[in-house]
Protein backbone atom coordinates (compact mmCIF):
# COMPACT_ATOMS: atom_id res chain seq x y z
CA MET A 1 0.04 -0.04 -0.06
CA LYS A 2 2.93 2.41 0.77
CA PRO A 3 4.20 2.39 -2.91
CA LEU A 4 0.75 3.36 -4.19
CA LEU A 5 0.58 6.28 -1.73
CA ASP A 6 4.07 7.44 -2.87
CA ASP A 7 2.73 7.41 -6.49
CA LEU A 8 -0.35 9.50 -5.80
CA LEU A 9 1.38 12.86 -6.02
CA PRO A 10 3.06 12.16 -9.41
CA ILE A 11 -0.09 10.62 -10.81
CA ALA A 12 -2.14 13.77 -9.70
CA ALA A 13 0.56 15.98 -11.26
CA PHE A 14 0.36 14.14 -14.66
CA ILE A 15 -3.43 14.13 -14.58
CA LEU A 16 -3.31 17.88 -14.08
CA VAL A 17 -0.84 18.27 -17.00
CA GLY A 18 -3.31 16.25 -19.06
CA VAL A 19 -6.26 18.50 -17.87
CA LEU A 20 -4.33 21.54 -18.91
CA GLY A 21 -3.62 19.94 -22.35
CA GLY A 22 -7.39 19.34 -22.69
CA ALA A 23 -8.17 22.97 -21.66
CA VAL A 24 -5.71 24.28 -24.15
CA LYS A 25 -7.26 22.27 -26.95
CA TYR A 26 -10.80 23.44 -26.01
CA LEU A 27 -9.70 27.13 -25.82
CA ARG A 28 -7.92 26.82 -29.17
CA GLN A 29 -11.11 25.46 -30.77
CA ILE A 30 -13.09 28.46 -29.34
CA LYS A 31 -10.45 30.98 -30.60
CA GLN A 32 -10.51 29.41 -33.99
CA LYS A 33 -14.28 29.47 -34.00
CA ILE A 34 -14.55 25.62 -34.40
CA LYS A 35 -16.83 25.45 -31.32
CA ASP A 36 -19.03 27.81 -29.28
CA PHE A 37 -18.25 27.82 -25.49
CA SER A 38 -20.13 25.25 -23.55
CA ILE A 39 -19.33 24.39 -19.93
CA ILE A 40 -20.39 20.76 -20.52
CA GLN A 41 -18.07 20.41 -23.49
CA LEU A 42 -15.27 22.09 -21.50
CA LEU A 43 -15.73 19.53 -18.68
CA ILE A 44 -15.74 16.67 -21.15
CA THR A 45 -12.51 17.85 -22.79
CA VAL A 46 -10.64 18.40 -19.57
CA MET A 47 -11.81 15.13 -18.09
CA THR A 48 -10.70 13.33 -21.13
CA GLY A 49 -7.32 15.10 -20.89
CA GLY A 50 -6.96 14.12 -17.28
CA PHE A 51 -7.73 10.46 -18.09
CA LEU A 52 -5.15 10.54 -20.83
CA GLY A 53 -2.61 12.13 -18.63
CA MET A 54 -3.05 9.27 -16.13
CA LEU A 55 -2.79 6.60 -18.87
CA THR A 56 0.33 8.27 -20.21
CA TYR A 57 1.88 8.26 -16.74
CA PHE A 58 1.30 4.59 -16.33
CA LEU A 59 2.52 3.82 -19.89
CA GLY A 60 5.59 6.04 -19.51
CA THR A 61 6.53 4.61 -16.02
CA GLU A 62 6.26 1.04 -17.31
CA MET A 63 8.46 1.97 -20.24
CA GLY A 64 11.11 3.51 -17.96
CA MET A 65 10.83 7.11 -19.39
CA SER A 66 11.97 10.09 -17.46
CA GLY A 67 9.51 12.40 -15.57
CA PRO A 68 9.97 15.36 -17.98
CA MET A 69 9.29 13.04 -20.92
CA ILE A 70 6.20 11.59 -19.37
CA GLY A 71 5.00 15.12 -18.55
CA PHE A 72 5.43 16.21 -22.15
CA MET A 73 3.69 13.14 -23.32
CA ALA A 74 0.78 13.63 -20.79
CA GLY A 75 0.27 17.18 -21.90
CA MET A 76 0.35 16.22 -25.56
CA ALA A 77 -2.13 13.28 -25.01
CA GLY A 78 -4.37 15.87 -23.21
CA LEU A 79 -4.10 18.22 -26.12
CA MET A 80 -4.74 15.50 -28.65
CA GLY A 81 -7.82 14.28 -26.82
CA ASP A 82 -9.94 11.98 -28.99
CA GLU A 83 -6.95 11.26 -31.33
CA ALA A 84 -4.86 10.00 -28.46
CA ILE A 85 -7.57 7.63 -27.39
CA SER A 86 -7.76 6.24 -30.90
CA PHE A 87 -3.94 5.97 -31.04
CA TYR A 88 -3.74 4.15 -27.65
CA THR A 89 -6.67 1.87 -28.66
CA ASN A 90 -5.14 0.90 -32.05
CA LYS A 91 -1.63 0.51 -30.62
CA PHE A 92 -2.75 -1.84 -27.89
CA LYS A 93 -5.59 -3.72 -29.39
CA GLY A 94 -5.01 -7.41 -29.23
CA MET A 95 -2.35 -7.36 -26.60
CA PRO A 96 -2.62 -10.07 -23.99
């Protein structure tokens, strides 16, 4: 149980990085007039970004990547949003 508690702060940090990536994506879409502002859509986008940040943390940790590299990837995954989900799904489809 102790190792899990030690990992909570880094996991939360990378979730936050993913959330920020999702927020940037949504704000860019509003600025480019792709979407109109919607609080529900904003929440969906940042929650997706946070989920992707967490997945990226687990993947990067398992692959032995450095913290800054995982942080970069978590932010990019949050920024990519749906595209990152498709990438992860296709990449790991059929793995045991």
